[in-house]
C-alpha cells in the first residue's frame, strides 16, 4: 500500500504550478474490492469512467485509477478536486452517472471512500 500511495502522491502533484493553492483542494481515495474474475471488465469500466469524469466535470484535478500490485482483487481511485463544491458536483453529469452501472456490477462489495487532505503551508 505504501508504494501505491507514494506513486499516487507523485502523480497527483505532478504538473502543479509552484503557487497552486493545495490547501483549498479536496481529495479522496476510493478503494474497490472486486472478484478477480471481473478484473478485465472492471478495468475497462473504471478507465472509461475516469476519462469521462475528467472530460465533462469542471474542478477535477485528478481522477486516476490504480491497481494494487500485491492484491489482484483491490483497486484504487485517487481523486483531487479544486474545491468541495467541485467534489459535491462530482457524478451528477448524466454521462458519468450512466457509467457507474457497469462498474458497480464488477464489485465484490461497496467501495470504501476515504477523504484525504493535501499537506500545505497555511
PDB file of N, CA and C in Angstrom:
ATOM      1  N   UNK A   1       0.832  -1.197   0.000  1.00  0.00           N
ATOM      2  CA  UNK A   1       0.000   0.000   0.000  1.00  0.00           C
ATOM      3  C   UNK A   1       0.872   1.255   0.000  1.00  0.00           C
ATOM      4  N   UNK A   2       1.985   1.230   0.752  1.00  0.00           N
ATOM      5  CA  UNK A   2       2.849   2.398   0.838  1.00  0.00           C
ATOM      6  C   UNK A   2       3.351   2.815  -0.542  1.00  0.00           C
ATOM      7  N   UNK A   3       3.775   1.846  -1.367  1.00  0.00           N
ATOM      8  CA  UNK A   3       4.268   2.174  -2.709  1.00  0.00           C
ATOM      9  C   UNK A   3       3.179   2.777  -3.570  1.00  0.00           C
ATOM     10  N   UNK A   4       1.960   2.301  -3.425  1.00  0.00           N
ATOM     11  CA  UNK A   4       0.845   2.838  -4.200  1.00  0.00           C
ATOM     12  C   UNK A   4       0.581   4.284  -3.801  1.00  0.00           C
ATOM     13  N   UNK A   5       0.544   4.543  -2.500  1.00  0.00           N
ATOM     14  CA  UNK A   5       0.304   5.908  -2.020  1.00  0.00           C
ATOM     15  C   UNK A   5       1.424   6.826  -2.469  1.00  0.00           C
ATOM     16  N   UNK A   6       2.675   6.391  -2.361  1.00  0.00           N
ATOM     17  CA  UNK A   6       3.814   7.218  -2.767  1.00  0.00           C
ATOM     18  C   UNK A   6       3.740   7.548  -4.250  1.00  0.00           C
ATOM     19  N   UNK A   7       3.484   6.546  -5.084  1.00  0.00           N
ATOM     20  CA  UNK A   7       3.388   6.777  -6.526  1.00  0.00           C
ATOM     21  C   UNK A   7       2.227   7.699  -6.843  1.00  0.00           C
ATOM     22  N   UNK A   8       1.100   7.480  -6.205  1.00  0.00           N
ATOM     23  CA  UNK A   8      -0.073   8.308  -6.460  1.00  0.00           C
ATOM     24  C   UNK A   8       0.168   9.743  -6.024  1.00  0.00           C
ATOM     25  N   UNK A   9       0.852   9.919  -4.914  1.00  0.00           N
ATOM     26  CA  UNK A   9       1.149  11.270  -4.435  1.00  0.00           C
ATOM     27  C   UNK A   9       1.991  12.009  -5.456  1.00  0.00           C
ATOM     28  N   UNK A  10       3.000  11.331  -5.996  1.00  0.00           N
ATOM     29  CA  UNK A  10       3.852  11.961  -7.006  1.00  0.00           C
ATOM     30  C   UNK A  10       3.050  12.327  -8.245  1.00  0.00           C
ATOM     31  N   UNK A  11       2.190  11.432  -8.681  1.00  0.00           N
ATOM     32  CA  UNK A  11       1.357  11.702  -9.854  1.00  0.00           C
ATOM     33  C   UNK A  11       0.371  12.822  -9.562  1.00  0.00           C
ATOM     34  N   UNK A  12      -0.213  12.808  -8.370  1.00  0.00           N
ATOM     35  CA  UNK A  12      -1.215  13.808  -8.013  1.00  0.00           C
ATOM     36  C   UNK A  12      -0.635  15.209  -8.002  1.00  0.00           C
ATOM     37  N   UNK A  13       0.619  15.340  -7.633  1.00  0.00           N
ATOM     38  CA  UNK A  13       1.230  16.669  -7.559  1.00  0.00           C
ATOM     39  C   UNK A  13       1.940  17.074  -8.845  1.00  0.00           C
ATOM     40  N   UNK A  14       2.161  16.137  -9.738  1.00  0.00           N
ATOM     41  CA  UNK A  14       2.874  16.433 -10.977  1.00  0.00           C
ATOM     42  C   UNK A  14       2.149  17.520 -11.762  1.00  0.00           C
ATOM     43  N   UNK A  15       2.913  18.465 -12.251  1.00  0.00           N
ATOM     44  CA  UNK A  15       2.352  19.493 -13.106  1.00  0.00           C
ATOM     45  C   UNK A  15       1.671  20.634 -12.377  1.00  0.00           C
ATOM     46  N   UNK A  16       1.637  20.608 -11.049  1.00  0.00           N
ATOM     47  CA  UNK A  16       1.029  21.724 -10.324  1.00  0.00           C
ATOM     48  C   UNK A  16       1.930  22.941 -10.399  1.00  0.00           C
ATOM     49  N   UNK A  17       1.376  24.108 -10.642  1.00  0.00           N
ATOM     50  CA  UNK A  17       2.190  25.305 -10.586  1.00  0.00           C
ATOM     51  C   UNK A  17       2.732  25.495  -9.171  1.00  0.00           C
ATOM     52  N   UNK A  18       3.874  26.148  -9.058  1.00  0.00           N
ATOM     53  CA  UNK A  18       4.518  26.331  -7.750  1.00  0.00           C
ATOM     54  C   UNK A  18       3.605  27.052  -6.763  1.00  0.00           C
ATOM     55  N   UNK A  19       2.726  27.913  -7.230  1.00  0.00           N
ATOM     56  CA  UNK A  19       1.855  28.681  -6.334  1.00  0.00           C
ATOM     57  C   UNK A  19       0.458  28.079  -6.213  1.00  0.00           C
ATOM     58  N   UNK A  20       0.292  26.813  -6.591  1.00  0.00           N
ATOM     59  CA  UNK A  20      -1.034  26.182  -6.519  1.00  0.00           C
ATOM     60  C   UNK A  20      -1.534  26.198  -5.074  1.00  0.00           C
ATOM     61  N   UNK A  21      -2.811  26.454  -4.902  1.00  0.00           N
ATOM     62  CA  UNK A  21      -3.412  26.510  -3.575  1.00  0.00           C
ATOM     63  C   UNK A  21      -3.946  25.139  -3.190  1.00  0.00           C
ATOM     64  N   UNK A  22      -3.061  24.259  -2.769  1.00  0.00           N
ATOM     65  CA  UNK A  22      -3.465  22.909  -2.397  1.00  0.00           C
ATOM     66  C   UNK A  22      -4.316  22.920  -1.133  1.00  0.00           C
ATOM     67  N   UNK A  23      -4.219  23.958  -0.324  1.00  0.00           N
ATOM     68  CA  UNK A  23      -4.957  23.995   0.940  1.00  0.00           C
ATOM     69  C   UNK A  23      -6.462  24.029   0.723  1.00  0.00           C
ATOM     70  N   UNK A  24      -6.919  24.551  -0.378  1.00  0.00           N
ATOM     71  CA  UNK A  24      -8.350  24.607  -0.650  1.00  0.00           C
ATOM     72  C   UNK A  24      -8.867  23.380  -1.382  1.00  0.00           C
ATOM     73  N   UNK A  25      -7.965  22.534  -1.816  1.00  0.00           N
ATOM     74  CA  UNK A  25      -8.374  21.354  -2.557  1.00  0.00           C
ATOM     75  C   UNK A  25      -9.010  20.314  -1.647  1.00  0.00           C
ATOM     76  N   UNK A  26      -9.752  19.410  -2.276  1.00  0.00           N
ATOM     77  CA  UNK A  26     -10.344  18.272  -1.576  1.00  0.00           C
ATOM     78  C   UNK A  26      -9.854  17.009  -2.263  1.00  0.00           C
ATOM     79  N   UNK A  27      -9.496  16.028  -1.480  1.00  0.00           N
ATOM     80  CA  UNK A  27      -9.023  14.774  -2.034  1.00  0.00           C
ATOM     81  C   UNK A  27      -9.774  13.591  -1.451  1.00  0.00           C
ATOM     82  N   UNK A  28      -9.822  12.530  -2.217  1.00  0.00           N
ATOM     83  CA  UNK A  28     -10.481  11.304  -1.784  1.00  0.00           C
ATOM     84  C   UNK A  28      -9.716  10.117  -2.343  1.00  0.00           C
ATOM     85  N   UNK A  29      -9.710   9.033  -1.583  1.00  0.00           N
ATOM     86  CA  UNK A  29      -9.166   7.769  -2.022  1.00  0.00           C
ATOM     87  C   UNK A  29     -10.299   6.763  -1.970  1.00  0.00           C
ATOM     88  N   UNK A  30     -10.670   6.240  -3.124  1.00  0.00           N
ATOM     89  CA  UNK A  30     -11.705   5.208  -3.183  1.00  0.00           C
ATOM     90  C   UNK A  30     -11.007   3.860  -3.340  1.00  0.00           C
ATOM     91  N   UNK A  31     -11.412   2.901  -2.515  1.00  0.00           N
ATOM     92  CA  UNK A  31     -10.859   1.557  -2.569  1.00  0.00           C
ATOM     93  C   UNK A  31     -11.963   0.609  -3.034  1.00  0.00           C
ATOM     94  N   UNK A  32     -11.645  -0.175  -4.044  1.00  0.00           N
ATOM     95  CA  UNK A  32     -12.607  -1.114  -4.629  1.00  0.00           C
ATOM     96  C   UNK A  32     -12.108  -2.539  -4.456  1.00  0.00           C
ATOM     97  N   UNK A  33     -12.974  -3.407  -3.994  1.00  0.00           N
ATOM     98  CA  UNK A  33     -12.688  -4.844  -3.945  1.00  0.00           C
ATOM     99  C   UNK A  33     -13.552  -5.499  -5.016  1.00  0.00           C
ATOM    100  N   UNK A  34     -12.911  -6.318  -5.845  1.00  0.00           N
ATOM    101  CA  UNK A  34     -13.628  -6.998  -6.918  1.00  0.00           C
ATOM    102  C   UNK A  34     -13.372  -8.498  -6.839  1.00  0.00           C
ATOM    103  N   UNK A  35     -14.178  -9.272  -7.529  1.00  0.00           N
ATOM    104  CA  UNK A  35     -13.882 -10.677  -7.766  1.00  0.00           C
ATOM    105  C   UNK A  35     -12.818 -10.653  -8.868  1.00  0.00           C
ATOM    106  N   UNK A  36     -11.649 -11.270  -8.651  1.00  0.00           N
ATOM    107  CA  UNK A  36     -10.593 -11.206  -9.666  1.00  0.00           C
ATOM    108  C   UNK A  36     -11.020 -11.677 -11.057  1.00  0.00           C
ATOM    109  N   UNK A  37     -12.069 -12.474 -11.139  1.00  0.00           N
ATOM    110  CA  UNK A  37     -12.547 -12.877 -12.466  1.00  0.00           C
ATOM    111  C   UNK A  37     -13.207 -11.711 -13.199  1.00  0.00           C
ATOM    112  N   UNK A  38     -13.505 -10.625 -12.471  1.00  0.00           N
ATOM    113  CA  UNK A  38     -14.089  -9.423 -13.073  1.00  0.00           C
ATOM    114  C   UNK A  38     -13.041  -8.361 -13.404  1.00  0.00           C
ATOM    115  N   UNK A  39     -11.767  -8.681 -13.255  1.00  0.00           N
ATOM    116  CA  UNK A  39     -10.712  -7.676 -13.401  1.00  0.00           C
ATOM    117  C   UNK A  39     -10.752  -6.958 -14.752  1.00  0.00           C
ATOM    118  N   UNK A  40     -10.874  -7.698 -15.821  1.00  0.00           N
ATOM    119  CA  UNK A  40     -10.862  -7.058 -17.143  1.00  0.00           C
ATOM    120  C   UNK A  40     -12.057  -6.113 -17.298  1.00  0.00           C
ATOM    121  N   UNK A  41     -13.246  -6.560 -16.937  1.00  0.00           N
ATOM    122  CA  UNK A  41     -14.437  -5.721 -17.046  1.00  0.00           C
ATOM    123  C   UNK A  41     -14.316  -4.502 -16.138  1.00  0.00           C
ATOM    124  N   UNK A  42     -13.790  -4.697 -14.922  1.00  0.00           N
ATOM    125  CA  UNK A  42     -13.620  -3.571 -14.009  1.00  0.00           C
ATOM    126  C   UNK A  42     -12.651  -2.550 -14.592  1.00  0.00           C
ATOM    127  N   UNK A  43     -11.517  -3.019 -15.089  1.00  0.00           N
ATOM    128  CA  UNK A  43     -10.510  -2.099 -15.630  1.00  0.00           C
ATOM    129  C   UNK A  43     -11.038  -1.318 -16.825  1.00  0.00           C
ATOM    130  N   UNK A  44     -11.798  -1.960 -17.676  1.00  0.00           N
ATOM    131  CA  UNK A  44     -12.407  -1.257 -18.816  1.00  0.00           C
ATOM    132  C   UNK A  44     -13.375  -0.196 -18.290  1.00  0.00           C
ATOM    133  N   UNK A  45     -14.228  -0.572 -17.340  1.00  0.00           N
ATOM    134  CA  UNK A  45     -15.249   0.348 -16.814  1.00  0.00           C
ATOM    135  C   UNK A  45     -14.627   1.502 -16.047  1.00  0.00           C
ATOM    136  N   UNK A  46     -13.641   1.230 -15.198  1.00  0.00           N
ATOM    137  CA  UNK A  46     -13.048   2.300 -14.375  1.00  0.00           C
ATOM    138  C   UNK A  46     -12.220   3.248 -15.242  1.00  0.00           C
ATOM    139  N   UNK A  47     -11.559   2.720 -16.262  1.00  0.00           N
ATOM    140  CA  UNK A  47     -10.773   3.583 -17.157  1.00  0.00           C
ATOM    141  C   UNK A  47     -11.692   4.496 -17.968  1.00  0.00           C
ATOM    142  N   UNK A  48     -12.798   3.955 -18.455  1.00  0.00           N
ATOM    143  CA  UNK A  48     -13.762   4.772 -19.210  1.00  0.00           C
ATOM    144  C   UNK A  48     -14.384   5.830 -18.299  1.00  0.00           C
ATOM    145  N   UNK A  49     -14.714   5.449 -17.070  1.00  0.00           N
ATOM    146  CA  UNK A  49     -15.280   6.404 -16.118  1.00  0.00           C
ATOM    147  C   UNK A  49     -14.294   7.530 -15.840  1.00  0.00           C
ATOM    148  N   UNK A  50     -13.041   7.186 -15.592  1.00  0.00           N
ATOM    149  CA  UNK A  50     -12.026   8.205 -15.295  1.00  0.00           C
ATOM    150  C   UNK A  50     -11.886   9.189 -16.453  1.00  0.00           C
ATOM    151  N   UNK A  51     -11.850   8.681 -17.670  1.00  0.00           N
ATOM    152  CA  UNK A  51     -11.721   9.559 -18.838  1.00  0.00           C
ATOM    153  C   UNK A  51     -12.932  10.484 -18.958  1.00  0.00           C
ATOM    154  N   UNK A  52     -14.126   9.958 -18.723  1.00  0.00           N
ATOM    155  CA  UNK A  52     -15.347  10.759 -18.845  1.00  0.00           C
ATOM    156  C   UNK A  52     -15.405  11.825 -17.756  1.00  0.00           C
ATOM    157  N   UNK A  53     -15.055  11.475 -16.525  1.00  0.00           N
ATOM    158  CA  UNK A  53     -15.078  12.446 -15.423  1.00  0.00           C
ATOM    159  C   UNK A  53     -14.168  13.626 -15.743  1.00  0.00           C
ATOM    160  N   UNK A  54     -12.949  13.338 -16.176  1.00  0.00           N
ATOM    161  CA  UNK A  54     -12.003  14.407 -16.500  1.00  0.00           C
ATOM    162  C   UNK A  54     -12.510  15.243 -17.670  1.00  0.00           C
ATOM    163  N   UNK A  55     -13.189  14.609 -18.613  1.00  0.00           N
ATOM    164  CA  UNK A  55     -13.701  15.307 -19.793  1.00  0.00           C
ATOM    165  C   UNK A  55     -14.858  16.250 -19.462  1.00  0.00           C
ATOM    166  N   UNK A  56     -15.811  15.822 -18.647  1.00  0.00           N
ATOM    167  CA  UNK A  56     -17.054  16.585 -18.507  1.00  0.00           C
ATOM    168  C   UNK A  56     -17.227  17.323 -17.175  1.00  0.00           C
ATOM    169  N   UNK A  57     -16.437  17.002 -16.166  1.00  0.00           N
ATOM    170  CA  UNK A  57     -16.615  17.655 -14.863  1.00  0.00           C
ATOM    171  C   UNK A  57     -15.573  18.742 -14.665  1.00  0.00           C
ATOM    172  N   UNK A  58     -16.035  19.953 -14.372  1.00  0.00           N
ATOM    173  CA  UNK A  58     -15.089  21.024 -14.090  1.00  0.00           C
ATOM    174  C   UNK A  58     -14.641  20.910 -12.638  1.00  0.00           C
ATOM    175  N   UNK A  59     -13.450  21.395 -12.353  1.00  0.00           N
ATOM    176  CA  UNK A  59     -12.935  21.370 -10.990  1.00  0.00           C
ATOM    177  C   UNK A  59     -12.259  20.072 -10.596  1.00  0.00           C
ATOM    178  N   UNK A  60     -12.153  19.127 -11.523  1.00  0.00           N
ATOM    179  CA  UNK A  60     -11.464  17.870 -11.246  1.00  0.00           C
ATOM    180  C   UNK A  60      -9.991  18.043 -11.629  1.00  0.00           C
ATOM    181  N   UNK A  61      -9.109  17.874 -10.659  1.00  0.00           N
ATOM    182  CA  UNK A  61      -7.673  17.985 -10.911  1.00  0.00           C
ATOM    183  C   UNK A  61      -7.041  16.624 -11.206  1.00  0.00           C
ATOM    184  N   UNK A  62      -7.606  15.587 -10.604  1.00  0.00           N
ATOM    185  CA  UNK A  62      -7.094  14.236 -10.810  1.00  0.00           C
ATOM    186  C   UNK A  62      -8.207  13.246 -10.538  1.00  0.00           C
ATOM    187  N   UNK A  63      -8.348  12.287 -11.403  1.00  0.00           N
ATOM    188  CA  UNK A  63      -9.306  11.194 -11.216  1.00  0.00           C
ATOM    189  C   UNK A  63      -8.649   9.999 -11.881  1.00  0.00           C
ATOM    190  N   UNK A  64      -7.793   9.310 -11.124  1.00  0.00           N
ATOM    191  CA  UNK A  64      -6.913   8.313 -11.709  1.00  0.00           C
ATOM    192  C   UNK A  64      -7.019   6.967 -11.013  1.00  0.00           C
ATOM    193  N   UNK A  65      -7.321   5.916 -11.784  1.00  0.00           N
ATOM    194  CA  UNK A  65      -7.405   4.576 -11.206  1.00  0.00           C
ATOM    195  C   UNK A  65      -6.025   3.921 -11.095  1.00  0.00           C
ATOM    196  N   UNK A  66      -5.872   3.104 -10.050  1.00  0.00           N
ATOM    197  CA  UNK A  66      -4.646   2.346  -9.819  1.00  0.00           C
ATOM    198  C   UNK A  66      -5.005   0.922  -9.434  1.00  0.00           C
ATOM    199  N   UNK A  67      -4.127  -0.002  -9.772  1.00  0.00           N
ATOM    200  CA  UNK A  67      -4.263  -1.409  -9.399  1.00  0.00           C
ATOM    201  C   UNK A  67      -3.299  -1.680  -8.247  1.00  0.00           C
ATOM    202  N   UNK A  68      -3.735  -2.442  -7.263  1.00  0.00           N
ATOM    203  CA  UNK A  68      -2.870  -2.869  -6.164  1.00  0.00           C
ATOM    204  C   UNK A  68      -1.988  -3.995  -6.692  1.00  0.00           C
ATOM    205  N   UNK A  69      -0.695  -3.812  -6.661  1.00  0.00           N
ATOM    206  CA  UNK A  69       0.219  -4.810  -7.208  1.00  0.00           C
ATOM    207  C   UNK A  69       0.360  -6.038  -6.315  1.00  0.00           C
ATOM    208  N   UNK A  70      -0.116  -5.972  -5.078  1.00  0.00           N
ATOM    209  CA  UNK A  70       0.007  -7.108  -4.167  1.00  0.00           C
ATOM    210  C   UNK A  70      -1.300  -7.863  -3.971  1.00  0.00           C
ATOM    211  N   UNK A  71      -2.406  -7.311  -4.453  1.00  0.00           N
ATOM    212  CA  UNK A  71      -3.714  -7.928  -4.266  1.00  0.00           C
ATOM    213  C   UNK A  71      -4.529  -7.757  -5.551  1.00  0.00           C
ATOM    214  N   UNK A  72      -4.718  -8.817  -6.332  1.00  0.00           N
ATOM    215  CA  UNK A  72      -5.409  -8.692  -7.623  1.00  0.00           C
ATOM    216  C   UNK A  72      -6.895  -8.357  -7.504  1.00  0.00           C
ATOM    217  N   UNK A  73      -7.420  -8.329  -6.292  1.00  0.00           N
ATOM    218  CA  UNK A  73      -8.837  -8.005  -6.098  1.00  0.00           C
ATOM    219  C   UNK A  73      -9.036  -6.565  -5.635  1.00  0.00           C
ATOM    220  N   UNK A  74      -7.959  -5.786  -5.500  1.00  0.00           N
ATOM    221  CA  UNK A  74      -8.081  -4.432  -4.949  1.00  0.00           C
ATOM    222  C   UNK A  74      -7.585  -3.386  -5.952  1.00  0.00           C
ATOM    223  N   UNK A  75      -8.415  -2.337  -6.082  1.00  0.00           N
ATOM    224  CA  UNK A  75      -8.091  -1.195  -6.941  1.00  0.00           C
ATOM    225  C   UNK A  75      -8.364   0.085  -6.157  1.00  0.00           C
ATOM    226  N   UNK A  76      -7.795   1.187  -6.661  1.00  0.00           N
ATOM    227  CA  UNK A  76      -7.962   2.480  -6.018  1.00  0.00           C
ATOM    228  C   UNK A  76      -8.295   3.538  -7.062  1.00  0.00           C
ATOM    229  N   UNK A  77      -8.992   4.568  -6.621  1.00  0.00           N
ATOM    230  CA  UNK A  77      -9.196   5.754  -7.441  1.00  0.00           C
ATOM    231  C   UNK A  77      -8.709   6.930  -6.603  1.00  0.00           C
ATOM    232  N   UNK A  78      -7.704   7.637  -7.119  1.00  0.00           N
ATOM    233  CA  UNK A  78      -7.221   8.842  -6.460  1.00  0.00           C
ATOM    234  C   UNK A  78      -7.951  10.024  -7.072  1.00  0.00           C
ATOM    235  N   UNK A  79      -8.573  10.822  -6.217  1.00  0.00           N
ATOM    236  CA  UNK A  79      -9.393  11.948  -6.673  1.00  0.00           C
ATOM    237  C   UNK A  79      -8.876  13.244  -6.063  1.00  0.00           C
ATOM    238  N   UNK A  80      -8.756  14.275  -6.891  1.00  0.00           N
ATOM    239  CA  UNK A  80      -8.408  15.619  -6.421  1.00  0.00           C
ATOM    240  C   UNK A  80      -9.372  16.598  -7.075  1.00  0.00           C
ATOM    241  N   UNK A  81      -9.919  17.465  -6.258  1.00  0.00           N
ATOM    242  CA  UNK A  81     -10.869  18.479  -6.717  1.00  0.00           C
ATOM    243  C   UNK A  81     -10.380  19.847  -6.281  1.00  0.00           C
ATOM    244  N   UNK A  82     -10.654  20.860  -7.097  1.00  0.00           N
ATOM    245  CA  UNK A  82     -10.261  22.225  -6.750  1.00  0.00           C
ATOM    246  C   UNK A  82     -10.912  22.694  -5.462  1.00  0.00           C
ATOM    247  N   UNK A  83     -12.162  22.318  -5.261  1.00  0.00           N
ATOM    248  CA  UNK A  83     -12.943  22.784  -4.109  1.00  0.00           C
ATOM    249  C   UNK A  83     -13.919  21.700  -3.653  1.00  0.00           C
ATOM    250  N   UNK A  84     -14.501  21.898  -2.497  1.00  0.00           N
ATOM    251  CA  UNK A  84     -15.543  20.993  -2.030  1.00  0.00           C
ATOM    252  C   UNK A  84     -16.754  21.054  -2.966  1.00  0.00           C
ATOM    253  N   UNK A  85     -17.048  22.211  -3.518  1.00  0.00           N
ATOM    254  CA  UNK A  85     -18.174  22.329  -4.457  1.00  0.00           C
ATOM    255  C   UNK A  85     -17.944  21.449  -5.691  1.00  0.00           C
ATOM    256  N   UNK A  86     -16.703  21.393  -6.173  1.00  0.00           N
ATOM    257  CA  UNK A  86     -16.394  20.530  -7.314  1.00  0.00           C
ATOM    258  C   UNK A  86     -16.594  19.067  -6.933  1.00  0.00           C
ATOM    259  N   UNK A  87     -16.231  18.711  -5.726  1.00  0.00           N
ATOM    260  CA  UNK A  87     -16.444  17.328  -5.259  1.00  0.00           C
ATOM    261  C   UNK A  87     -17.935  17.023  -5.154  1.00  0.00           C
ATOM    262  N   UNK A  88     -18.698  17.967  -4.625  1.00  0.00           N
ATOM    263  CA  UNK A  88     -20.143  17.755  -4.486  1.00  0.00           C
ATOM    264  C   UNK A  88     -20.824  17.636  -5.851  1.00  0.00           C
ATOM    265  N   UNK A  89     -20.268  18.294  -6.853  1.00  0.00           N
ATOM    266  CA  UNK A  89     -20.842  18.230  -8.201  1.00  0.00           C
ATOM    267  C   UNK A  89     -20.445  16.938  -8.927  1.00  0.00           C
ATOM    268  N   UNK A  90     -19.460  16.235  -8.370  1.00  0.00           N
ATOM    269  CA  UNK A  90     -18.970  15.007  -8.996  1.00  0.00           C
ATOM    270  C   UNK A  90     -20.099  13.992  -9.177  1.00  0.00           C
ATOM    271  N   UNK A  91     -20.094  13.368 -10.327  1.00  0.00           N
ATOM    272  CA  UNK A  91     -21.021  12.284 -10.665  1.00  0.00           C
ATOM    273  C   UNK A  91     -22.468  12.730 -10.790  1.00  0.00           C
ATOM    274  N   UNK A  92     -22.681  13.973 -11.157  1.00  0.00           N
ATOM    275  CA  UNK A  92     -24.054  14.432 -11.396  1.00  0.00           C
ATOM    276  C   UNK A  92     -24.344  14.568 -12.894  1.00  0.00           C
ATOM    277  N   UNK A  93     -23.302  14.584 -13.712  1.00  0.00           N
ATOM    278  CA  UNK A  93     -23.485  14.650 -15.156  1.00  0.00           C
ATOM    279  C   UNK A  93     -24.089  13.323 -15.622  1.00  0.00           C
ATOM    280  N   UNK A  94     -25.155  13.358 -16.426  1.00  0.00           N
ATOM    281  CA  UNK A  94     -25.808  12.112 -16.871  1.00  0.00           C
ATOM    282  C   UNK A  94     -24.864  11.132 -17.560  1.00  0.00           C
ATOM    283  N   UNK A  95     -23.884  11.636 -18.301  1.00  0.00           N
ATOM    284  CA  UNK A  95     -22.931  10.756 -18.982  1.00  0.00           C
ATOM    285  C   UNK A  95     -22.075   9.994 -17.973  1.00  0.00           C
ATOM    286  N   UNK A  96     -21.752  10.626 -16.854  1.00  0.00           N
ATOM    287  CA  UNK A  96     -20.968   9.976 -15.800  1.00  0.00           C
ATOM    288  C   UNK A  96     -21.850   8.991 -15.031  1.00  0.00           C
ATOM    289  N   UNK A  97     -23.044   9.414 -14.669  1.00  0.00           N
ATOM    290  CA  UNK A  97     -23.971   8.554 -13.918  1.00  0.00           C
ATOM    291  C   UNK A  97     -24.206   7.242 -14.668  1.00  0.00           C
ATOM    292  N   UNK A  98     -24.350   7.314 -15.970  1.00  0.00           N
ATOM    293  CA  UNK A  98     -24.620   6.124 -16.778  1.00  0.00           C
ATOM    294  C   UNK A  98     -23.477   5.121 -16.732  1.00  0.00           C
ATOM    295  N   UNK A  99     -22.278   5.579 -16.436  1.00  0.00           N
ATOM    296  CA  UNK A  99     -21.115   4.699 -16.431  1.00  0.00           C
ATOM    297  C   UNK A  99     -20.935   3.942 -15.120  1.00  0.00           C
ATOM    298  N   UNK A 100     -21.652   4.340 -14.086  1.00  0.00           N
ATOM    299  CA  UNK A 100     -21.495   3.671 -12.792  1.00  0.00           C
ATOM    300  C   UNK A 100     -22.118   2.278 -12.782  1.00  0.00           C
ATOM    301  N   UNK A 101     -23.155   2.030 -13.564  1.00  0.00           N
ATOM    302  CA  UNK A 101     -23.804   0.721 -13.588  1.00  0.00           C
ATOM    303  C   UNK A 101     -22.845  -0.412 -13.934  1.00  0.00           C
ATOM    304  N   UNK A 102     -22.163  -0.328 -15.080  1.00  0.00           N
ATOM    305  CA  UNK A 102     -21.215  -1.393 -15.429  1.00  0.00           C
ATOM    306  C   UNK A 102     -20.092  -1.543 -14.399  1.00  0.00           C
ATOM    307  N   UNK A 103     -19.659  -0.453 -13.826  1.00  0.00           N
ATOM    308  CA  UNK A 103     -18.601  -0.504 -12.827  1.00  0.00           C
ATOM    309  C   UNK A 103     -19.078  -1.215 -11.563  1.00  0.00           C
ATOM    310  N   UNK A 104     -20.228  -0.822 -11.054  1.00  0.00           N
ATOM    311  CA  UNK A 104     -20.739  -1.388  -9.804  1.00  0.00           C
ATOM    312  C   UNK A 104     -21.022  -2.882  -9.938  1.00  0.00           C
ATOM    313  N   UNK A 105     -21.360  -3.332 -11.139  1.00  0.00           N
ATOM    314  CA  UNK A 105     -21.626  -4.744 -11.359  1.00  0.00           C
ATOM    315  C   UNK A 105     -20.404  -5.634 -11.231  1.00  0.00           C
ATOM    316  N   UNK A 106     -19.207  -5.052 -11.185  1.00  0.00           N
ATOM    317  CA  UNK A 106     -17.974  -5.834 -11.068  1.00  0.00           C
ATOM    318  C   UNK A 106     -17.461  -5.916  -9.632  1.00  0.00           C
ATOM    319  N   UNK A 107     -18.082  -5.172  -8.719  1.00  0.00           N
ATOM    320  CA  UNK A 107     -17.566  -5.082  -7.350  1.00  0.00           C
ATOM    321  C   UNK A 107     -18.018  -6.238  -6.473  1.00  0.00           C
ATOM    322  N   UNK A 108     -17.162  -6.581  -5.494  1.00  0.00           N
ATOM    323  CA  UNK A 108     -17.494  -7.612  -4.517  1.00  0.00           C
ATOM    324  C   UNK A 108     -18.226  -7.015  -3.321  1.00  0.00           C
ATOM    325  N   UNK A 109     -18.244  -5.703  -3.211  1.00  0.00           N
ATOM    326  CA  UNK A 109     -18.902  -5.005  -2.105  1.00  0.00           C
ATOM    327  C   UNK A 109     -18.902  -3.516  -2.382  1.00  0.00           C
ATOM    328  N   UNK A 110     -19.361  -2.753  -1.422  1.00  0.00           N
ATOM    329  CA  UNK A 110     -19.393  -1.299  -1.585  1.00  0.00           C
ATOM    330  C   UNK A 110     -17.978  -0.723  -1.542  1.00  0.00           C
ATOM    331  N   UNK A 111     -17.686   0.275  -2.368  1.00  0.00           N
ATOM    332  CA  UNK A 111     -16.371   0.914  -2.294  1.00  0.00           C
ATOM    333  C   UNK A 111     -16.200   1.628  -0.951  1.00  0.00           C
ATOM    334  N   UNK A 112     -14.966   1.726  -0.520  1.00  0.00           N
ATOM    335  CA  UNK A 112     -14.635   2.496   0.678  1.00  0.00           C
ATOM    336  C   UNK A 112     -14.088   3.841   0.218  1.00  0.00           C
ATOM    337  N   UNK A 113     -14.718   4.928   0.649  1.00  0.00           N
ATOM    338  CA  UNK A 113     -14.303   6.269   0.238  1.00  0.00           C
ATOM    339  C   UNK A 113     -13.677   6.963   1.448  1.00  0.00           C
ATOM    340  N   UNK A 114     -12.421   7.358   1.306  1.00  0.00           N
ATOM    341  CA  UNK A 114     -11.687   7.998   2.401  1.00  0.00           C
ATOM    342  C   UNK A 114     -11.321   9.416   2.007  1.00  0.00           C
ATOM    343  N   UNK A 115     -11.792  10.436   2.762  1.00  0.00           N
ATOM    344  CA  UNK A 115     -11.345  11.801   2.494  1.00  0.00           C
ATOM    345  C   UNK A 115      -9.871  11.930   2.878  1.00  0.00           C
ATOM    346  N   UNK A 116      -9.108  12.620   2.055  1.00  0.00           N
ATOM    347  CA  UNK A 116      -7.693  12.869   2.340  1.00  0.00           C
ATOM    348  C   UNK A 116      -7.397  14.349   2.146  1.00  0.00           C
ATOM    349  N   UNK A 117      -6.391  14.836   2.822  1.00  0.00           N
ATOM    350  CA  UNK A 117      -6.050  16.255   2.749  1.00  0.00           C
ATOM    351  C   UNK A 117      -4.608  16.420   2.305  1.00  0.00           C
ATOM    352  N   UNK A 118      -4.389  17.401   1.455  1.00  0.00           N
ATOM    353  CA  UNK A 118      -3.037  17.721   0.988  1.00  0.00           C
ATOM    354  C   UNK A 118      -2.248  18.374   2.125  1.00  0.00           C
ATOM    355  N   UNK A 119      -0.972  18.089   2.171  1.00  0.00           N
ATOM    356  CA  UNK A 119      -0.089  18.795   3.093  1.00  0.00           C
ATOM    357  C   UNK A 119       0.232  20.128   2.439  1.00  0.00           C
ATOM    358  N   UNK A 120       0.043  21.211   3.166  1.00  0.00           N
ATOM    359  CA  UNK A 120       0.267  22.517   2.567  1.00  0.00           C
ATOM    360  C   UNK A 120       0.687  23.510   3.641  1.00  0.00           C
ATOM    361  N   UNK A 121       1.239  24.610   3.187  1.00  0.00           N
ATOM    362  CA  UNK A 121       1.623  25.690   4.091  1.00  0.00           C
ATOM    363  C   UNK A 121       0.413  26.589   4.291  1.00  0.00           C
ATOM    364  N   UNK A 122       0.020  26.757   5.515  1.00  0.00           N
ATOM    365  CA  UNK A 122      -1.119  27.628   5.778  1.00  0.00           C
ATOM    366  C   UNK A 122      -0.686  28.864   6.498  1.00  0.00           C
TER     367      UNK A 122
END
